[in-house]
PDB file of N, CA and C in Angstrom:
ATOM      1  N   MET A   1       0.834  -1.166   0.000  1.00  0.00           N
ATOM      2  CA  MET A   1       0.000   0.000   0.000  1.00  0.00           C
ATOM      3  C   MET A   1       0.884   1.237   0.000  1.00  0.00           C
ATOM      4  N   LYS A   2       0.365   2.288  -0.606  1.00  0.00           N
ATOM      5  CA  LYS A   2       1.115   3.544  -0.644  1.00  0.00           C
ATOM      6  C   LYS A   2       0.984   4.250   0.701  1.00  0.00           C
ATOM      7  N   MET A   3       2.113   4.786   1.148  1.00  0.00           N
ATOM      8  CA  MET A   3       2.112   5.510   2.417  1.00  0.00           C
ATOM      9  C   MET A   3       2.871   6.815   2.260  1.00  0.00           C
ATOM     10  N   LEU A   4       2.388   7.812   2.982  1.00  0.00           N
ATOM     11  CA  LEU A   4       3.119   9.059   3.110  1.00  0.00           C
ATOM     12  C   LEU A   4       4.031   8.885   4.317  1.00  0.00           C
ATOM     13  N   MET A   5       5.293   9.147   4.122  1.00  0.00           N
ATOM     14  CA  MET A   5       6.285   9.048   5.199  1.00  0.00           C
ATOM     15  C   MET A   5       6.789  10.462   5.470  1.00  0.00           C
ATOM     16  N   HIS A   6       6.612  10.907   6.687  1.00  0.00           N
ATOM     17  CA  HIS A   6       7.013  12.264   7.062  1.00  0.00           C
ATOM     18  C   HIS A   6       8.183  12.165   8.033  1.00  0.00           C
ATOM     19  N   VAL A   7       9.294  12.793   7.671  1.00  0.00           N
ATOM     20  CA  VAL A   7      10.513  12.730   8.476  1.00  0.00           C
ATOM     21  C   VAL A   7      10.860  14.136   8.942  1.00  0.00           C
ATOM     22  N   THR A   8      11.073  14.296  10.246  1.00  0.00           N
ATOM     23  CA  THR A   8      11.521  15.567  10.806  1.00  0.00           C
ATOM     24  C   THR A   8      12.908  15.365  11.403  1.00  0.00           C
ATOM     25  N   PHE A   9      13.852  16.193  10.976  1.00  0.00           N
ATOM     26  CA  PHE A   9      15.242  16.080  11.403  1.00  0.00           C
ATOM     27  C   PHE A   9      15.551  17.097  12.502  1.00  0.00           C
ATOM     28  N   PRO A  10      16.018  16.666  13.671  1.00  0.00           N
ATOM     29  CA  PRO A  10      16.443  17.632  14.677  1.00  0.00           C
ATOM     30  C   PRO A  10      17.699  18.354  14.180  1.00  0.00           C
ATOM     31  N   HIS A  11      17.967  19.506  14.747  1.00  0.00           N
ATOM     32  CA  HIS A  11      19.130  20.283  14.295  1.00  0.00           C
ATOM     33  C   HIS A  11      20.433  19.502  14.462  1.00  0.00           C
ATOM     34  N   GLU A  12      20.522  18.749  15.530  1.00  0.00           N
ATOM     35  CA  GLU A  12      21.677  17.864  15.715  1.00  0.00           C
ATOM     36  C   GLU A  12      21.185  16.426  15.694  1.00  0.00           C
ATOM     37  N   PRO A  13      21.839  15.585  14.957  1.00  0.00           N
ATOM     38  CA  PRO A  13      23.170  15.707  14.377  1.00  0.00           C
ATOM     39  C   PRO A  13      23.214  16.291  12.968  1.00  0.00           C
ATOM     40  N   PHE A  14      22.069  16.751  12.411  1.00  0.00           N
ATOM     41  CA  PHE A  14      22.062  17.202  11.015  1.00  0.00           C
ATOM     42  C   PHE A  14      23.052  18.345  10.776  1.00  0.00           C
ATOM     43  N   ASN A  15      23.081  19.352  11.667  1.00  0.00           N
ATOM     44  CA  ASN A  15      24.024  20.470  11.472  1.00  0.00           C
ATOM     45  C   ASN A  15      25.463  19.982  11.402  1.00  0.00           C
ATOM     46  N   THR A  16      25.825  19.073  12.281  1.00  0.00           N
ATOM     47  CA  THR A  16      27.194  18.537  12.278  1.00  0.00           C
ATOM     48  C   THR A  16      27.485  17.801  10.987  1.00  0.00           C
ATOM     49  N   LEU A  17      26.523  17.023  10.501  1.00  0.00           N
ATOM     50  CA  LEU A  17      26.716  16.298   9.246  1.00  0.00           C
ATOM     51  C   LEU A  17      26.846  17.250   8.061  1.00  0.00           C
ATOM     52  N   VAL A  18      26.089  18.356   8.073  1.00  0.00           N
ATOM     53  CA  VAL A  18      26.216  19.362   7.017  1.00  0.00           C
ATOM     54  C   VAL A  18      27.616  19.966   7.048  1.00  0.00           C
ATOM     55  N   LYS A  19      28.095  20.313   8.238  1.00  0.00           N
ATOM     56  CA  LYS A  19      29.422  20.916   8.363  1.00  0.00           C
ATOM     57  C   LYS A  19      30.527  19.968   7.911  1.00  0.00           C
ATOM     58  N   LYS A  20      30.334  18.666   8.138  1.00  0.00           N
ATOM     59  CA  LYS A  20      31.305  17.657   7.686  1.00  0.00           C
ATOM     60  C   LYS A  20      31.195  17.388   6.188  1.00  0.00           C
ATOM     61  N   GLY A  21      30.095  17.813   5.579  1.00  0.00           N
ATOM     62  CA  GLY A  21      29.876  17.554   4.167  1.00  0.00           C
ATOM     63  C   GLY A  21      29.311  16.174   3.879  1.00  0.00           C
ATOM     64  N   THR A  22      28.730  15.533   4.891  1.00  0.00           N
ATOM     65  CA  THR A  22      28.249  14.164   4.696  1.00  0.00           C
ATOM     66  C   THR A  22      26.719  14.028   4.725  1.00  0.00           C
ATOM     67  N   ALA A  23      25.994  15.084   5.047  1.00  0.00           N
ATOM     68  CA  ALA A  23      24.528  14.988   5.154  1.00  0.00           C
ATOM     69  C   ALA A  23      23.896  14.569   3.833  1.00  0.00           C
ATOM     70  N   VAL A  24      24.263  15.240   2.755  1.00  0.00           N
ATOM     71  CA  VAL A  24      23.665  14.936   1.452  1.00  0.00           C
ATOM     72  C   VAL A  24      24.102  13.549   0.970  1.00  0.00           C
ATOM     73  N   ILE A  25      25.332  13.183   1.224  1.00  0.00           N
ATOM     74  CA  ILE A  25      25.810  11.847   0.835  1.00  0.00           C
ATOM     75  C   ILE A  25      25.005  10.780   1.554  1.00  0.00           C
ATOM     76  N   LEU A  26      24.802  10.948   2.835  1.00  0.00           N
ATOM     77  CA  LEU A  26      24.041   9.986   3.632  1.00  0.00           C
ATOM     78  C   LEU A  26      22.582   9.931   3.179  1.00  0.00           C
ATOM     79  N   LEU A  27      21.977  11.084   2.933  1.00  0.00           N
ATOM     80  CA  LEU A  27      20.595  11.107   2.433  1.00  0.00           C
ATOM     81  C   LEU A  27      20.489  10.390   1.088  1.00  0.00           C
ATOM     82  N   ASP A  28      21.448  10.639   0.195  1.00  0.00           N
ATOM     83  CA  ASP A  28      21.442   9.962  -1.105  1.00  0.00           C
ATOM     84  C   ASP A  28      21.533   8.453  -0.948  1.00  0.00           C
ATOM     85  N   GLU A  29      22.369   7.981  -0.035  1.00  0.00           N
ATOM     86  CA  GLU A  29      22.510   6.540   0.205  1.00  0.00           C
ATOM     87  C   GLU A  29      21.198   5.937   0.711  1.00  0.00           C
ATOM     88  N   ILE A  30      20.550   6.635   1.638  1.00  0.00           N
ATOM     89  CA  ILE A  30      19.283   6.148   2.191  1.00  0.00           C
ATOM     90  C   ILE A  30      18.211   6.110   1.100  1.00  0.00           C
ATOM     91  N   LEU A  31      18.101   7.182   0.335  1.00  0.00           N
ATOM     92  CA  LEU A  31      17.078   7.236  -0.714  1.00  0.00           C
ATOM     93  C   LEU A  31      17.320   6.191  -1.791  1.00  0.00           C
ATOM     94  N   GLU A  32      18.568   5.932  -2.109  1.00  0.00           N
ATOM     95  CA  GLU A  32      18.890   4.882  -3.082  1.00  0.00           C
ATOM     96  C   GLU A  32      18.459   3.513  -2.555  1.00  0.00           C
ATOM     97  N   GLU A  33      18.589   3.309  -1.267  1.00  0.00           N
ATOM     98  CA  GLU A  33      18.219   2.029  -0.657  1.00  0.00           C
ATOM     99  C   GLU A  33      16.699   1.854  -0.570  1.00  0.00           C
ATOM    100  N   ILE A  34      15.980   2.884  -0.106  1.00  0.00           N
ATOM    101  CA  ILE A  34      14.541   2.717   0.121  1.00  0.00           C
ATOM    102  C   ILE A  34      13.703   2.990  -1.123  1.00  0.00           C
ATOM    103  N   LYS A  35      14.262   3.654  -2.111  1.00  0.00           N
ATOM    104  CA  LYS A  35      13.613   3.904  -3.398  1.00  0.00           C
ATOM    105  C   LYS A  35      12.165   4.419  -3.276  1.00  0.00           C
ATOM    106  N   PRO A  36      11.988   5.611  -2.722  1.00  0.00           N
ATOM    107  CA  PRO A  36      10.626   6.160  -2.639  1.00  0.00           C
ATOM    108  C   PRO A  36      10.105   6.512  -4.034  1.00  0.00           C
ATOM    109  N   PHE A  37       8.750   6.535  -4.173  1.00  0.00           N
ATOM    110  CA  PHE A  37       8.160   6.994  -5.430  1.00  0.00           C
ATOM    111  C   PHE A  37       8.516   8.451  -5.674  1.00  0.00           C
ATOM    112  N   SER A  38       8.471   9.224  -4.594  1.00  0.00           N
ATOM    113  CA  SER A  38       8.819  10.642  -4.685  1.00  0.00           C
ATOM    114  C   SER A  38       9.278  11.116  -3.311  1.00  0.00           C
ATOM    115  N   VAL A  39      10.016  12.215  -3.329  1.00  0.00           N
ATOM    116  CA  VAL A  39      10.514  12.803  -2.079  1.00  0.00           C
ATOM    117  C   VAL A  39      10.633  14.309  -2.255  1.00  0.00           C
ATOM    118  N   TRP A  40      10.250  15.030  -1.213  1.00  0.00           N
ATOM    119  CA  TRP A  40      10.393  16.485  -1.176  1.00  0.00           C
ATOM    120  C   TRP A  40      11.003  16.856   0.161  1.00  0.00           C
ATOM    121  N   PHE A  41      11.871  17.842   0.145  1.00  0.00           N
ATOM    122  CA  PHE A  41      12.454  18.367   1.377  1.00  0.00           C
ATOM    123  C   PHE A  41      11.825  19.723   1.646  1.00  0.00           C
ATOM    124  N   THR A  42      11.574  19.989   2.930  1.00  0.00           N
ATOM    125  CA  THR A  42      10.863  21.195   3.307  1.00  0.00           C
ATOM    126  C   THR A  42      11.288  21.618   4.705  1.00  0.00           C
ATOM    127  N   GLU A  43      10.602  22.583   5.240  1.00  0.00           N
ATOM    128  CA  GLU A  43      10.798  23.063   6.607  1.00  0.00           C
ATOM    129  C   GLU A  43       9.506  22.841   7.358  1.00  0.00           C
ATOM    130  N   GLU A  44       9.612  22.470   8.626  1.00  0.00           N
ATOM    131  CA  GLU A  44       8.424  22.352   9.461  1.00  0.00           C
ATOM    132  C   GLU A  44       8.755  22.807  10.871  1.00  0.00           C
ATOM    133  N   ASN A  45       8.049  23.830  11.327  1.00  0.00           N
ATOM    134  CA  ASN A  45       8.263  24.369  12.676  1.00  0.00           C
ATOM    135  C   ASN A  45       9.728  24.686  12.941  1.00  0.00           C
ATOM    136  N   GLY A  46      10.388  25.251  11.946  1.00  0.00           N
ATOM    137  CA  GLY A  46      11.782  25.655  12.102  1.00  0.00           C
ATOM    138  C   GLY A  46      12.796  24.528  11.991  1.00  0.00           C
ATOM    139  N   MET A  47      12.348  23.356  11.587  1.00  0.00           N
ATOM    140  CA  MET A  47      13.261  22.212  11.458  1.00  0.00           C
ATOM    141  C   MET A  47      13.229  21.689  10.032  1.00  0.00           C
ATOM    142  N   ARG A  48      14.290  21.013   9.645  1.00  0.00           N
ATOM    143  CA  ARG A  48      14.330  20.358   8.345  1.00  0.00           C
ATOM    144  C   ARG A  48      13.353  19.184   8.354  1.00  0.00           C
ATOM    145  N   ALA A  49      12.741  18.948   7.197  1.00  0.00           N
ATOM    146  CA  ALA A  49      11.785  17.843   7.095  1.00  0.00           C
ATOM    147  C   ALA A  49      11.807  17.281   5.679  1.00  0.00           C
ATOM    148  N   ALA A  50      11.290  16.085   5.547  1.00  0.00           N
ATOM    149  CA  ALA A  50      11.132  15.446   4.242  1.00  0.00           C
ATOM    150  C   ALA A  50       9.777  14.759   4.202  1.00  0.00           C
ATOM    151  N   VAL A  51       9.186  14.746   3.014  1.00  0.00           N
ATOM    152  CA  VAL A  51       7.929  14.058   2.775  1.00  0.00           C
ATOM    153  C   VAL A  51       8.180  13.092   1.624  1.00  0.00           C
ATOM    154  N   LEU A  52       7.913  11.811   1.873  1.00  0.00           N
ATOM    155  CA  LEU A  52       8.163  10.780   0.879  1.00  0.00           C
ATOM    156  C   LEU A  52       6.884   9.988   0.633  1.00  0.00           C
ATOM    157  N   ILE A  53       6.735   9.464  -0.566  1.00  0.00           N
ATOM    158  CA  ILE A  53       5.693   8.491  -0.868  1.00  0.00           C
ATOM    159  C   ILE A  53       6.405   7.162  -1.096  1.00  0.00           C
ATOM    160  N   ILE A  54       6.000   6.150  -0.327  1.00  0.00           N
ATOM    161  CA  ILE A  54       6.637   4.839  -0.391  1.00  0.00           C
ATOM    162  C   ILE A  54       5.568   3.768  -0.600  1.00  0.00           C
ATOM    163  N   ASN A  55       5.990   2.569  -0.955  1.00  0.00           N
ATOM    164  CA  ASN A  55       5.076   1.436  -1.074  1.00  0.00           C
ATOM    165  C   ASN A  55       5.468   0.397  -0.043  1.00  0.00           C
ATOM    166  N   VAL A  56       4.551   0.103   0.871  1.00  0.00           N
ATOM    167  CA  VAL A  56       4.796  -0.859   1.944  1.00  0.00           C
ATOM    168  C   VAL A  56       3.867  -2.047   1.723  1.00  0.00           C
ATOM    169  N   THR A  57       4.443  -3.248   1.615  1.00  0.00           N
ATOM    170  CA  THR A  57       3.612  -4.426   1.360  1.00  0.00           C
ATOM    171  C   THR A  57       3.010  -4.984   2.644  1.00  0.00           C
ATOM    172  N   ASN A  58       3.691  -4.806   3.784  1.00  0.00           N
ATOM    173  CA  ASN A  58       3.120  -5.222   5.065  1.00  0.00           C
ATOM    174  C   ASN A  58       3.776  -4.424   6.183  1.00  0.00           C
ATOM    175  N   ALA A  59       3.161  -4.454   7.357  1.00  0.00           N
ATOM    176  CA  ALA A  59       3.624  -3.632   8.482  1.00  0.00           C
ATOM    177  C   ALA A  59       5.064  -3.927   8.878  1.00  0.00           C
ATOM    178  N   SER A  60       5.516  -5.150   8.696  1.00  0.00           N
ATOM    179  CA  SER A  60       6.888  -5.482   9.075  1.00  0.00           C
ATOM    180  C   SER A  60       7.922  -4.766   8.193  1.00  0.00           C
ATOM    181  N   GLY A  61       7.475  -4.156   7.108  1.00  0.00           N
ATOM    182  CA  GLY A  61       8.381  -3.403   6.249  1.00  0.00           C
ATOM    183  C   GLY A  61       8.680  -1.994   6.727  1.00  0.00           C
ATOM    184  N   LEU A  62       7.926  -1.501   7.695  1.00  0.00           N
ATOM    185  CA  LEU A  62       8.130  -0.114   8.146  1.00  0.00           C
ATOM    186  C   LEU A  62       9.533   0.158   8.672  1.00  0.00           C
ATOM    187  N   PRO A  63      10.146  -0.727   9.454  1.00  0.00           N
ATOM    188  CA  PRO A  63      11.511  -0.441   9.913  1.00  0.00           C
ATOM    189  C   PRO A  63      12.530  -0.268   8.780  1.00  0.00           C
ATOM    190  N   PHE A  64      12.328  -0.964   7.674  1.00  0.00           N
ATOM    191  CA  PHE A  64      13.223  -0.804   6.515  1.00  0.00           C
ATOM    192  C   PHE A  64      13.286   0.658   6.087  1.00  0.00           C
ATOM    193  N   TYR A  65      12.156   1.333   6.153  1.00  0.00           N
ATOM    194  CA  TYR A  65      12.087   2.734   5.744  1.00  0.00           C
ATOM    195  C   TYR A  65      12.485   3.701   6.853  1.00  0.00           C
ATOM    196  N   SER A  66      12.122   3.396   8.085  1.00  0.00           N
ATOM    197  CA  SER A  66      12.326   4.363   9.169  1.00  0.00           C
ATOM    198  C   SER A  66      13.694   4.273   9.841  1.00  0.00           C
ATOM    199  N   GLU A  67      14.227   3.072  10.013  1.00  0.00           N
ATOM    200  CA  GLU A  67      15.469   2.920  10.779  1.00  0.00           C
ATOM    201  C   GLU A  67      16.650   3.727  10.243  1.00  0.00           C
ATOM    202  N   PRO A  68      16.844   3.839   8.922  1.00  0.00           N
ATOM    203  CA  PRO A  68      17.971   4.667   8.468  1.00  0.00           C
ATOM    204  C   PRO A  68      17.890   6.113   8.961  1.00  0.00           C
ATOM    205  N   PHE A  69      16.664   6.635   9.058  1.00  0.00           N
ATOM    206  CA  PHE A  69      16.490   8.008   9.533  1.00  0.00           C
ATOM    207  C   PHE A  69      16.621   8.091  11.058  1.00  0.00           C
ATOM    208  N   PHE A  70      16.096   7.092  11.768  1.00  0.00           N
ATOM    209  CA  PHE A  70      16.264   7.055  13.223  1.00  0.00           C
ATOM    210  C   PHE A  70      17.744   6.968  13.593  1.00  0.00           C
ATOM    211  N   LEU A  71      18.427   6.018  12.993  1.00  0.00           N
ATOM    212  CA  LEU A  71      19.799   5.702  13.406  1.00  0.00           C
ATOM    213  C   LEU A  71      20.818   6.734  12.965  1.00  0.00           C
ATOM    214  N   ASN A  72      20.617   7.362  11.806  1.00  0.00           N
ATOM    215  CA  ASN A  72      21.613   8.306  11.292  1.00  0.00           C
ATOM    216  C   ASN A  72      21.336   9.760  11.631  1.00  0.00           C
ATOM    217  N   PHE A  73      20.074  10.104  11.857  1.00  0.00           N
ATOM    218  CA  PHE A  73      19.717  11.507  12.068  1.00  0.00           C
ATOM    219  C   PHE A  73      18.947  11.763  13.361  1.00  0.00           C
ATOM    220  N   ASP A  74      18.664  10.735  14.147  1.00  0.00           N
ATOM    221  CA  ASP A  74      17.800  10.888  15.320  1.00  0.00           C
ATOM    222  C   ASP A  74      16.470  11.535  14.934  1.00  0.00           C
ATOM    223  N   ALA A  75      15.982  11.208  13.740  1.00  0.00           N
ATOM    224  CA  ALA A  75      14.786  11.840  13.187  1.00  0.00           C
ATOM    225  C   ALA A  75      13.511  11.248  13.780  1.00  0.00           C
ATOM    226  N   ASP A  76      12.442  12.022  13.683  1.00  0.00           N
ATOM    227  CA  ASP A  76      11.093  11.529  13.964  1.00  0.00           C
ATOM    228  C   ASP A  76      10.493  11.108  12.633  1.00  0.00           C
ATOM    229  N   VAL A  77       9.827   9.959  12.600  1.00  0.00           N
ATOM    230  CA  VAL A  77       9.240   9.435  11.366  1.00  0.00           C
ATOM    231  C   VAL A  77       7.783   9.067  11.639  1.00  0.00           C
ATOM    232  N   HIS A  78       6.897   9.527  10.762  1.00  0.00           N
ATOM    233  CA  HIS A  78       5.470   9.227  10.869  1.00  0.00           C
ATOM    234  C   HIS A  78       4.981   8.689   9.531  1.00  0.00           C
ATOM    235  N   PHE A  79       4.031   7.765   9.588  1.00  0.00           N
ATOM    236  CA  PHE A  79       3.478   7.149   8.387  1.00  0.00           C
ATOM    237  C   PHE A  79       1.974   7.373   8.331  1.00  0.00           C
ATOM    238  N   ARG A  80       1.459   7.552   7.112  1.00  0.00           N
ATOM    239  CA  ARG A  80       0.021   7.637   6.871  1.00  0.00           C
ATOM    240  C   ARG A  80      -0.281   6.900   5.580  1.00  0.00           C
ATOM    241  N   ILE A  81      -1.361   6.123   5.583  1.00  0.00           N
ATOM    242  CA  ILE A  81      -1.810   5.487   4.349  1.00  0.00           C
ATOM    243  C   ILE A  81      -2.365   6.573   3.440  1.00  0.00           C
ATOM    244  N   VAL A  82      -2.048   6.495   2.145  1.00  0.00           N
ATOM    245  CA  VAL A  82      -2.560   7.457   1.170  1.00  0.00           C
ATOM    246  C   VAL A  82      -3.220   6.714   0.021  1.00  0.00           C
ATOM    247  N   MET A  83      -4.149   7.395  -0.636  1.00  0.00           N
ATOM    248  CA  MET A  83      -4.839   6.828  -1.792  1.00  0.00           C
ATOM    249  C   MET A  83      -4.731   7.775  -2.976  1.00  0.00           C
ATOM    250  N   SER A  84      -4.615   7.191  -4.145  1.00  0.00           N
ATOM    251  CA  SER A  84      -4.692   7.964  -5.380  1.00  0.00           C
ATOM    252  C   SER A  84      -6.168   8.200  -5.693  1.00  0.00           C
ATOM    253  N   PRO A  85      -6.475   9.085  -6.638  1.00  0.00           N
ATOM    254  CA  PRO A  85      -7.875   9.238  -7.037  1.00  0.00           C
ATOM    255  C   PRO A  85      -8.488   7.903  -7.498  1.00  0.00           C
ATOM    256  N   GLU A  86      -7.705   7.087  -8.177  1.00  0.00           N
ATOM    257  CA  GLU A  86      -8.196   5.776  -8.613  1.00  0.00           C
ATOM    258  C   GLU A  86      -8.521   4.884  -7.413  1.00  0.00           C
ATOM    259  N   ASP A  87      -7.620   4.883  -6.404  1.00  0.00           N
ATOM    260  CA  ASP A  87      -7.890   4.109  -5.194  1.00  0.00           C
ATOM    261  C   ASP A  87      -9.202   4.551  -4.552  1.00  0.00           C
ATOM    262  N   LEU A  88      -9.398   5.853  -4.454  1.00  0.00           N
ATOM    263  CA  LEU A  88     -10.611   6.379  -3.835  1.00  0.00           C
ATOM    264  C   LEU A  88     -11.855   5.983  -4.622  1.00  0.00           C
ATOM    265  N   SER A  89     -11.751   6.006  -5.958  1.00  0.00           N
ATOM    266  CA  SER A  89     -12.916   5.635  -6.772  1.00  0.00           C
ATOM    267  C   SER A  89     -13.250   4.153  -6.623  1.00  0.00           C
ATOM    268  N   ASN A  90     -12.285   3.335  -6.235  1.00  0.00           N
ATOM    269  CA  ASN A  90     -12.511   1.902  -6.029  1.00  0.00           C
ATOM    270  C   ASN A  90     -12.866   1.560  -4.578  1.00  0.00           C
ATOM    271  N   ALA A  91     -13.037   2.557  -3.742  1.00  0.00           N
ATOM    272  CA  ALA A  91     -13.260   2.323  -2.314  1.00  0.00           C
ATOM    273  C   ALA A  91     -14.694   1.933  -1.969  1.00  0.00           C
ATOM    274  N   GLY A  92     -15.608   2.066  -2.904  1.00  0.00           N
ATOM    275  CA  GLY A  92     -16.997   1.699  -2.628  1.00  0.00           C
ATOM    276  C   GLY A  92     -17.727   2.703  -1.754  1.00  0.00           C
ATOM    277  N   LEU A  93     -17.412   3.985  -1.899  1.00  0.00           N
ATOM    278  CA  LEU A  93     -18.032   5.010  -1.059  1.00  0.00           C
ATOM    279  C   LEU A  93     -19.552   5.032  -1.184  1.00  0.00           C
ATOM    280  N   GLU A  94     -20.065   4.832  -2.410  1.00  0.00           N
ATOM    281  CA  GLU A  94     -21.515   4.872  -2.600  1.00  0.00           C
ATOM    282  C   GLU A  94     -22.195   3.778  -1.771  1.00  0.00           C
ATOM    283  N   ASP A  95     -21.658   2.566  -1.826  1.00  0.00           N
ATOM    284  CA  ASP A  95     -22.224   1.455  -1.058  1.00  0.00           C
ATOM    285  C   ASP A  95     -22.103   1.703   0.440  1.00  0.00           C
ATOM    286  N   LEU A  96     -20.983   2.238   0.865  1.00  0.00           N
ATOM    287  CA  LEU A  96     -20.813   2.545   2.282  1.00  0.00           C
ATOM    288  C   LEU A  96     -21.782   3.621   2.729  1.00  0.00           C
ATOM    289  N   GLY A  97     -21.977   4.613   1.866  1.00  0.00           N
ATOM    290  CA  GLY A  97     -22.935   5.681   2.191  1.00  0.00           C
ATOM    291  C   GLY A  97     -24.339   5.144   2.355  1.00  0.00           C
ATOM    292  N   LYS A  98     -24.737   4.213   1.483  1.00  0.00           N
ATOM    293  CA  LYS A  98     -26.072   3.612   1.588  1.00  0.00           C
ATOM    294  C   LYS A  98     -26.191   2.765   2.841  1.00  0.00           C
ATOM    295  N   LYS A  99     -25.154   2.010   3.139  1.00  0.00           N
ATOM    296  CA  LYS A  99     -25.194   1.119   4.291  1.00  0.00           C
ATOM    297  C   LYS A  99     -25.244   1.881   5.606  1.00  0.00           C
ATOM    298  N   TRP A 100     -24.485   2.958   5.726  1.00  0.00           N
ATOM    299  CA  TRP A 100     -24.320   3.640   7.007  1.00  0.00           C
ATOM    300  C   TRP A 100     -25.136   4.915   7.136  1.00  0.00           C
ATOM    301  N   SER A 101     -26.032   5.179   6.206  1.00  0.00           N
ATOM    302  CA  SER A 101     -26.882   6.386   6.305  1.00  0.00           C
ATOM    303  C   SER A 101     -28.248   6.055   6.844  1.00  0.00           C
TER     304      SER A 101
END
């Protein structure tokens, strides 16, 4: 299933890694390993953040995506299931509306 993965990086150790010149190298290595569908970097509440779309086949796969960020950046990682417009159209909303109204 497609999931939105939200990563928030604390200032440390990220600042130290930037000063060493290794932050981008490490991020590239992680992204090459986890192969997200897409990734964007942004700011959130004054901290560095990333938003990724990933495909998770089962719950036991979550550590594969989160541990590189936990272990290398002391980051916070949150997951949310996401749907495409096609997924939503296949969700059976009309039937659910009839059943639960």
